[in-house]
Protein backbone atom coordinates (compact mmCIF):
# COMPACT_ATOMS: atom_id res chain seq x y z
CA MET A 1 0.00 0.00 0.00
CA ARG A 2 1.34 3.45 -0.87
CA LEU A 3 0.15 6.74 0.57
CA THR A 4 1.27 10.08 -0.84
CA ARG A 5 0.33 13.72 -0.94
CA ALA A 6 0.26 14.92 -4.56
CA VAL A 7 -0.01 18.70 -4.09
CA GLY A 8 1.99 21.35 -2.28
CA LYS A 9 5.67 22.17 -1.93
CA VAL A 10 6.30 19.33 0.55
CA ARG A 11 4.89 15.95 -0.52
CA PRO A 12 5.40 13.21 2.06
CA PHE A 13 4.91 9.58 1.08
CA GLY A 14 4.97 6.17 2.68
CA ALA A 15 4.59 2.60 1.51
CA GLY A 16 4.42 -0.82 3.11
CA ARG A 17 4.31 -4.42 1.91
CA TYR A 18 3.99 -7.88 3.45
CA ARG A 19 4.54 -11.06 1.47
CA ARG A 20 4.05 -14.70 2.53
CA GLU A 21 5.39 -17.52 0.36
CA LEU A 22 3.01 -20.43 -0.16
CA THR A 23 5.78 -22.99 -0.78
CA ASN A 24 8.08 -25.00 1.44
CA GLY A 25 10.90 -22.60 0.55
CA ARG A 26 13.09 -25.09 -1.33
CA THR A 27 14.54 -24.08 -4.68
CA THR A 28 15.73 -27.29 -6.30
CA THR A 29 16.10 -28.04 -10.00
CA ALA A 30 17.36 -30.96 -12.06
CA MET A 31 20.16 -30.36 -14.57
CA GLN A 32 21.51 -32.56 -17.34
CA ILE A 33 24.99 -31.90 -18.73
CA GLY A 34 25.54 -33.95 -21.87
CA ASP A 35 23.74 -37.15 -22.84
CA ARG A 36 25.49 -39.54 -20.45
CA PRO A 37 23.79 -40.77 -17.25
CA ASP A 38 26.60 -39.40 -15.08
CA GLY A 39 25.75 -35.86 -16.28
CA ALA A 40 22.49 -35.67 -14.28
CA TYR A 41 22.57 -33.39 -11.24
CA GLU A 42 20.14 -31.92 -8.75
CA VAL A 43 21.02 -28.37 -7.72
CA ASP A 44 19.75 -26.76 -4.50
CA GLY A 45 19.50 -22.99 -4.33
CA LEU A 46 19.01 -20.64 -1.41
CA LEU A 47 15.85 -21.15 0.61
CA LEU A 48 13.03 -18.69 -0.03
CA PRO A 49 12.03 -16.78 3.09
CA LYS A 50 8.53 -17.60 4.37
CA ASP A 51 7.75 -14.01 5.37
CA GLU A 52 8.99 -10.69 4.04
CA ILE A 53 8.13 -7.19 5.17
CA ALA A 54 9.21 -3.96 3.49
CA GLY A 55 8.53 -0.28 3.99
CA GLU A 56 9.51 3.08 2.60
CA GLY A 57 8.99 6.65 3.75
CA GLY A 58 10.21 10.03 2.70
CA ALA A 59 9.33 13.41 1.27
CA MET A 60 9.59 15.28 -1.99
CA PHE A 61 10.30 19.01 -1.94
CA VAL A 62 9.05 20.76 -5.07
CA THR A 63 9.84 24.23 -6.45
CA PRO A 64 8.90 25.61 -9.88
CA ARG A 65 12.32 24.63 -11.31
CA VAL A 66 13.58 21.66 -9.34
CA GLY A 67 12.39 18.80 -7.14
CA LEU A 68 14.36 17.09 -4.38
CA ALA A 69 13.34 13.72 -2.91
CA LEU A 70 14.72 12.00 0.18
CA SER A 71 13.57 8.51 1.13
CA TYR A 72 14.45 5.65 3.48
CA ALA A 73 13.55 2.05 2.66
CA PHE A 74 13.94 -1.22 4.54
CA GLN A 75 13.33 -4.86 3.72
CA ARG A 76 13.37 -7.66 6.29
CA SER A 77 13.13 -11.39 5.69
CA GLN A 78 14.24 -14.51 7.54
CA HIS A 79 17.95 -14.36 6.72
CA GLN A 80 18.39 -10.88 5.31
CA THR A 81 17.88 -7.23 6.24
CA ARG A 82 18.40 -4.34 3.82
CA GLN A 83 18.28 -0.62 4.46
CA THR A 84 18.53 2.08 1.79
CA LEU A 85 18.74 5.86 1.83
CA GLN A 86 17.96 7.52 -1.50
CA ILE A 87 18.37 11.11 -2.66
CA GLY A 88 16.81 12.21 -5.94
CA VAL A 89 16.88 15.43 -7.95
CA GLY A 90 14.44 16.22 -10.75
CA PHE A 91 14.35 19.20 -13.09
């Protein structure tokens, strides 16, 4: 869900997301290298996280000639956390 103010010189915004995987989290695939029987492999990838939550908030400052945006975003899952600070300029 994203909420934003679309008018005015200061335009705050915020967004949030929750995702739940409906699988067991395994990422396995079968591979065949060549035509011989000894070229068959099963490859396991990283597990998918069961739950993931993300959010973003910030503000855009608008003048007649230029716009400046500052935002902070985070993403959290079972084995990983990310945080981002973004600065944007528009003209």
